[in-house]
């Protein structure tokens, strides 16, 4: 990809004729977006103020767990500079389906579909060097032009921080159900993640709760639990900030292997402590019968 982002243009009107989308009014664009997502019951944003906390892993396994429960689920990857969802779901080679009606998301199974800029890169080593307007335009297209159809849940995987991408998706969706905030237990992570909670408050986005990822490692031989990144920081932060604590997800080497190989951890290792923690998170989502 060229380094000069001024020469770039966001992908144009997937599945539509060029003449039908020349300079539509802002009102028409907004209505087209709302019409396209009108059949999505719940929209959940997964975010974190800190990189490296396993946010995409959490988003992917929430989506997989929902699909296991028979929920029609979409997973929208808006980490434009570091898309990982196609690989995590094992659908790198399953491109979105382009039809006369429009562009359909890639399918991981009968209940789970996904979209990501990763599907559109000619080379997975390409760097996406875009400024804010192009990012906003792509996210708008993901919501307007991708034929999601009827969904029980749309899970949105955001990049780290409180910048362009989460701001755009919150504004475009207007009233998402809420955010799942991901952290790891140590203070260096919690200090940044607190900013995500504050961001949600400023954006009038409800916080569904906090997930503490990488919360201890249980030795498979002796059973001893080693708190590599400390433990309990997420629950303490949630209590201090007056928001729910959803689950502590332990470190599991099988989760790493599944993420690299595109296998669905929450399906294959559903009896593991980590998979049970993902199920606990899903139990707390809006629309899930308690």
Protein backbone atom coordinates (compact mmCIF):
# COMPACT_ATOMS: atom_id res chain seq x y z
CA UNK A 1 0.00 0.00 0.00
CA UNK A 2 1.24 3.51 -0.72
CA UNK A 3 2.49 5.59 2.16
CA UNK A 4 0.83 8.76 0.91
CA UNK A 5 -2.59 8.51 2.49
CA UNK A 6 -3.70 11.69 0.74
CA UNK A 7 -3.82 9.67 -2.48
CA UNK A 8 -5.87 6.91 -0.93
CA UNK A 9 -9.59 6.55 -1.04
CA UNK A 10 -11.70 4.44 1.27
CA UNK A 11 -13.22 1.37 -0.37
CA UNK A 12 -16.12 2.55 -2.50
CA UNK A 13 -19.66 1.23 -2.26
CA UNK A 14 -19.09 -2.55 -2.09
CA UNK A 15 -21.70 -4.39 -4.10
CA UNK A 16 -23.24 -1.16 -5.43
CA UNK A 17 -23.02 0.62 -8.75
CA UNK A 18 -20.82 3.70 -8.74
CA UNK A 19 -23.58 5.89 -10.14
CA UNK A 20 -25.98 4.98 -7.34
CA UNK A 21 -23.68 6.30 -4.62
CA UNK A 22 -22.31 9.53 -6.02
CA UNK A 23 -22.46 12.23 -3.39
CA UNK A 24 -25.55 11.07 -1.49
CA UNK A 25 -26.84 13.49 1.07
CA UNK A 26 -25.82 13.05 4.68
CA UNK A 27 -29.43 12.26 5.57
CA UNK A 28 -29.64 9.56 2.89
CA UNK A 29 -26.36 8.01 4.05
CA UNK A 30 -27.58 7.98 7.63
CA UNK A 31 -30.87 6.36 6.69
CA UNK A 32 -29.08 3.70 4.63
CA UNK A 33 -26.91 2.83 7.64
CA UNK A 34 -29.89 2.64 9.98
CA UNK A 35 -31.85 0.51 7.53
CA UNK A 36 -28.95 -1.93 7.16
CA UNK A 37 -28.45 -2.47 10.90
CA UNK A 38 -32.13 -2.33 11.84
CA UNK A 39 -32.30 -6.14 12.14
CA UNK A 40 -29.43 -6.34 14.64
CA UNK A 41 -30.88 -6.72 18.13
CA UNK A 42 -27.82 -6.05 20.30
CA UNK A 43 -24.58 -4.18 19.59
CA UNK A 44 -21.69 -4.75 22.01
CA UNK A 45 -18.39 -2.86 21.85
CA UNK A 46 -15.25 -4.53 23.22
CA UNK A 47 -12.54 -2.01 24.08
CA UNK A 48 -9.55 -1.31 26.27
CA UNK A 49 -7.34 1.67 26.94
CA UNK A 50 -4.31 -0.62 26.86
CA UNK A 51 -2.80 -2.68 24.06
CA UNK A 52 -1.71 -6.28 24.59
CA UNK A 53 -4.47 -7.21 27.04
CA UNK A 54 -6.05 -9.83 24.75
CA UNK A 55 -9.00 -7.73 23.72
CA UNK A 56 -9.41 -9.42 20.32
CA UNK A 57 -9.19 -12.81 22.00
CA UNK A 58 -11.97 -11.80 24.37
CA UNK A 59 -14.10 -10.38 21.53
CA UNK A 60 -13.63 -13.49 19.38
CA UNK A 61 -14.45 -15.92 22.17
CA UNK A 62 -17.52 -13.92 23.25
CA UNK A 63 -18.73 -14.17 19.65
CA UNK A 64 -17.92 -17.90 19.49
CA UNK A 65 -19.74 -18.56 22.77
CA UNK A 66 -22.80 -16.67 21.53
CA UNK A 67 -22.77 -18.69 18.31
CA UNK A 68 -22.51 -21.92 20.34
CA UNK A 69 -25.72 -20.89 22.10
CA UNK A 70 -27.48 -20.59 18.76
CA UNK A 71 -27.34 -16.80 18.62
CA UNK A 72 -26.90 -15.30 15.16
CA UNK A 73 -23.71 -13.34 15.70
CA UNK A 74 -21.60 -10.89 13.73
CA UNK A 75 -18.05 -9.87 14.64
CA UNK A 76 -16.85 -6.55 13.23
CA UNK A 77 -13.11 -5.95 13.46
CA UNK A 78 -12.37 -2.21 13.41
CA UNK A 79 -8.73 -2.57 14.43
CA UNK A 80 -7.67 -1.14 11.07
CA UNK A 81 -3.93 -1.10 11.72
CA UNK A 82 -3.74 -4.54 13.33
CA UNK A 83 -6.64 -6.74 12.18
CA UNK A 84 -6.47 -10.21 13.75
CA UNK A 85 -10.04 -11.52 13.70
CA UNK A 86 -9.78 -13.36 10.32
CA UNK A 87 -6.84 -15.40 11.60
CA UNK A 88 -8.37 -16.02 15.02
CA UNK A 89 -11.57 -17.38 13.47
CA UNK A 90 -9.68 -19.45 10.90
CA UNK A 91 -11.27 -17.67 7.93
CA UNK A 92 -8.30 -15.82 6.43
CA UNK A 93 -8.99 -17.59 3.15
CA UNK A 94 -12.77 -17.12 3.25
CA UNK A 95 -13.30 -13.73 1.58
CA UNK A 96 -16.53 -11.77 1.91
CA UNK A 97 -19.05 -12.83 -0.73
CA UNK A 98 -19.72 -10.17 -3.35
CA UNK A 99 -23.14 -10.47 -4.99
CA UNK A 100 -25.51 -8.31 -7.00
CA UNK A 101 -27.30 -7.48 -3.73
CA UNK A 102 -24.10 -6.39 -2.00
CA UNK A 103 -21.17 -7.65 0.04
CA UNK A 104 -21.83 -10.39 2.59
CA UNK A 105 -19.49 -10.98 5.57
CA UNK A 106 -17.27 -14.03 5.74
CA UNK A 107 -18.80 -17.00 7.59
CA UNK A 108 -16.98 -18.92 10.31
CA UNK A 109 -19.98 -21.21 10.87
CA UNK A 110 -23.74 -21.11 10.46
CA UNK A 111 -24.17 -18.73 13.41
CA UNK A 112 -21.02 -16.62 13.15
CA UNK A 113 -19.96 -14.16 10.45
CA UNK A 114 -17.25 -11.50 10.43
CA UNK A 115 -15.83 -8.53 8.57
CA UNK A 116 -12.38 -6.98 8.80
CA UNK A 117 -10.05 -4.89 6.67
CA UNK A 118 -7.79 -7.93 6.88
CA UNK A 119 -9.92 -9.59 4.20
CA UNK A 120 -9.12 -6.79 1.74
CA UNK A 121 -5.33 -6.61 2.08
CA UNK A 122 -3.46 -7.96 -0.95
CA UNK A 123 -0.58 -8.93 1.33
CA UNK A 124 -0.99 -9.55 5.08
CA UNK A 125 2.30 -7.72 5.61
CA UNK A 126 0.85 -4.50 4.15
CA UNK A 127 0.62 -1.58 6.55
CA UNK A 128 -2.59 0.47 6.53
CA UNK A 129 -1.42 4.07 6.83
CA UNK A 130 -4.62 6.07 7.18
CA UNK A 131 -5.73 9.18 8.98
CA UNK A 132 -9.02 9.59 10.82
CA UNK A 133 -11.37 10.44 7.90
CA UNK A 134 -10.55 7.23 6.02
CA UNK A 135 -10.98 5.15 9.17
CA UNK A 136 -14.38 6.72 9.80
CA UNK A 137 -15.38 6.12 6.18
CA UNK A 138 -14.46 2.42 6.33
CA UNK A 139 -16.33 1.85 9.60
CA UNK A 140 -19.36 3.58 8.10
CA UNK A 141 -19.17 1.25 5.09
CA UNK A 142 -18.91 -1.81 7.34
CA UNK A 143 -22.20 -0.71 8.92
CA UNK A 144 -23.91 0.54 5.75
CA UNK A 145 -22.80 -1.71 2.91
CA UNK A 146 -22.07 -5.08 4.54
CA UNK A 147 -25.20 -7.25 4.39
CA UNK A 148 -25.37 -8.42 8.00
CA UNK A 149 -28.97 -9.57 7.79
CA UNK A 150 -30.79 -10.57 10.97
CA UNK A 151 -28.44 -10.83 13.94
CA UNK A 152 -28.96 -11.36 17.63
CA UNK A 153 -25.59 -9.77 18.38
CA UNK A 154 -22.97 -7.65 16.65
CA UNK A 155 -19.70 -7.70 18.58
CA UNK A 156 -17.33 -4.84 17.67
CA UNK A 157 -13.62 -5.39 18.32
CA UNK A 158 -11.90 -2.02 18.75
CA UNK A 159 -8.20 -1.16 18.69
CA UNK A 160 -6.55 -0.05 21.95
CA UNK A 161 -7.23 3.42 23.27
CA UNK A 162 -10.01 5.98 23.07
CA UNK A 163 -9.30 7.44 19.66
CA UNK A 164 -10.79 7.54 16.18
CA UNK A 165 -12.18 4.03 15.76
CA UNK A 166 -14.19 3.61 19.00
CA UNK A 167 -15.34 7.22 18.74
CA UNK A 168 -16.57 6.66 15.17
CA UNK A 169 -18.41 3.41 15.85
CA UNK A 170 -20.15 4.77 18.95
CA UNK A 171 -21.31 7.86 17.06
CA UNK A 172 -22.43 5.87 14.01
CA UNK A 173 -24.39 3.33 16.05
CA UNK A 174 -25.94 6.09 18.19
CA UNK A 175 -27.25 3.73 20.85
CA UNK A 176 -25.13 0.56 21.21
CA UNK A 177 -26.08 -1.63 24.17
CA UNK A 178 -22.81 -1.06 25.95
CA UNK A 179 -19.13 -1.84 26.30
CA UNK A 180 -17.14 -4.75 27.66
CA UNK A 181 -13.87 -3.31 28.97
CA UNK A 182 -10.84 -5.62 28.99
CA UNK A 183 -7.83 -5.31 31.29
CA UNK A 184 -5.04 -7.37 32.76
CA UNK A 185 -4.48 -7.37 36.53
CA UNK A 186 -1.35 -5.22 36.85
CA UNK A 187 -1.40 -1.50 37.64
CA UNK A 188 0.30 -0.47 34.38
CA UNK A 189 -2.72 -1.82 32.50
CA UNK A 190 -5.36 -0.65 34.95
CA UNK A 191 -4.17 2.95 34.81
CA UNK A 192 -4.93 3.08 31.07
CA UNK A 193 -8.11 1.02 31.25
CA UNK A 194 -9.64 3.44 33.76
CA UNK A 195 -9.51 5.99 30.96
CA UNK A 196 -11.69 3.68 28.84
CA UNK A 197 -14.34 3.65 31.56
CA UNK A 198 -14.21 7.44 31.75
CA UNK A 199 -14.44 7.60 27.95
CA UNK A 200 -17.61 5.48 28.03
CA UNK A 201 -19.15 7.86 30.55
CA UNK A 202 -18.33 10.88 28.39
CA UNK A 203 -19.85 9.13 25.34
CA UNK A 204 -22.98 8.06 27.27
CA UNK A 205 -22.07 4.45 26.53
CA UNK A 206 -23.14 2.04 29.28
CA UNK A 207 -20.37 -0.16 30.66
CA UNK A 208 -21.63 -3.74 30.75
CA UNK A 209 -18.65 -4.67 32.85
CA UNK A 210 -14.93 -5.34 33.20
CA UNK A 211 -13.11 -8.52 32.17
CA UNK A 212 -9.77 -9.33 33.78
CA UNK A 213 -7.76 -11.30 31.22
CA UNK A 214 -4.52 -13.23 31.93
CA UNK A 215 -5.69 -13.70 35.50
CA UNK A 216 -3.37 -16.38 36.85
CA UNK A 217 -1.84 -19.52 35.36
CA UNK A 218 -2.69 -22.98 36.66
CA UNK A 219 0.17 -25.43 36.27
CA UNK A 220 -1.15 -28.45 34.34
CA UNK A 221 1.18 -30.80 36.27
CA UNK A 222 0.90 -29.76 39.92
CA UNK A 223 -2.22 -27.57 39.85
CA UNK A 224 -0.50 -24.62 41.53
CA UNK A 225 -1.80 -21.21 40.41
CA UNK A 226 0.88 -18.64 39.60
CA UNK A 227 -0.30 -15.03 39.32
CA UNK A 228 2.13 -13.95 36.60
CA UNK A 229 0.50 -10.52 36.15
CA UNK A 230 -0.83 -10.29 39.72
CA UNK A 231 -4.52 -10.96 40.34
CA UNK A 232 -7.66 -9.10 41.32
CA UNK A 233 -6.79 -5.71 39.87
CA UNK A 234 -9.74 -5.77 37.50
CA UNK A 235 -12.30 -6.56 40.18
CA UNK A 236 -10.84 -3.92 42.48
CA UNK A 237 -10.97 -1.29 39.71
CA UNK A 238 -14.57 -2.24 38.89
CA UNK A 239 -15.57 -1.86 42.54
CA UNK A 240 -13.81 1.51 42.84
CA UNK A 241 -15.49 2.83 39.67
CA UNK A 242 -18.93 1.42 40.47
CA UNK A 243 -19.23 -0.89 37.47
CA UNK A 244 -19.85 -4.66 37.23
CA UNK A 245 -17.01 -7.15 37.22
CA UNK A 246 -17.83 -9.90 34.72
CA UNK A 247 -15.10 -12.53 34.93
CA UNK A 248 -11.44 -13.34 35.49
CA UNK A 249 -10.02 -15.29 32.54
CA UNK A 250 -6.94 -17.38 33.38
CA UNK A 251 -3.95 -17.82 31.09
CA UNK A 252 -4.40 -20.98 29.03
CA UNK A 253 -1.74 -22.11 26.51
CA UNK A 254 -4.50 -23.79 24.49
CA UNK A 255 -6.06 -20.38 23.91
CA UNK A 256 -2.81 -19.13 22.42
CA UNK A 257 -2.56 -22.17 20.15
CA UNK A 258 -6.16 -21.78 19.01
CA UNK A 259 -5.69 -18.09 18.24
CA UNK A 260 -2.67 -18.85 16.07
CA UNK A 261 -4.27 -21.79 14.26
CA UNK A 262 -7.75 -20.36 13.81
CA UNK A 263 -9.43 -22.99 15.98
CA UNK A 264 -12.35 -21.97 18.17
CA UNK A 265 -11.14 -22.24 21.76
CA UNK A 266 -14.55 -21.79 23.39
CA UNK A 267 -15.82 -24.72 21.30
CA UNK A 268 -12.92 -27.16 21.60
CA UNK A 269 -12.07 -26.52 25.25
CA UNK A 270 -15.52 -25.66 26.56
CA UNK A 271 -14.87 -27.46 29.89
CA UNK A 272 -11.73 -25.41 30.62
CA UNK A 273 -11.70 -22.70 33.29
CA UNK A 274 -11.05 -20.05 30.63
CA UNK A 275 -13.98 -21.14 28.43
CA UNK A 276 -16.25 -21.16 31.49
CA UNK A 277 -15.12 -17.60 32.18
CA UNK A 278 -16.09 -16.55 28.64
CA UNK A 279 -19.49 -18.17 29.22
CA UNK A 280 -19.77 -16.11 32.42
CA UNK A 281 -19.15 -12.93 30.42
CA UNK A 282 -21.83 -13.88 27.89
CA UNK A 283 -24.27 -14.58 30.74
CA UNK A 284 -23.98 -10.89 31.65
CA UNK A 285 -24.76 -9.51 28.18
CA UNK A 286 -28.05 -7.73 27.45
CA UNK A 287 -30.63 -10.08 25.98
CA UNK A 288 -29.28 -13.24 27.63
CA UNK A 289 -31.84 -14.87 29.89
CA UNK A 290 -30.53 -15.00 33.43
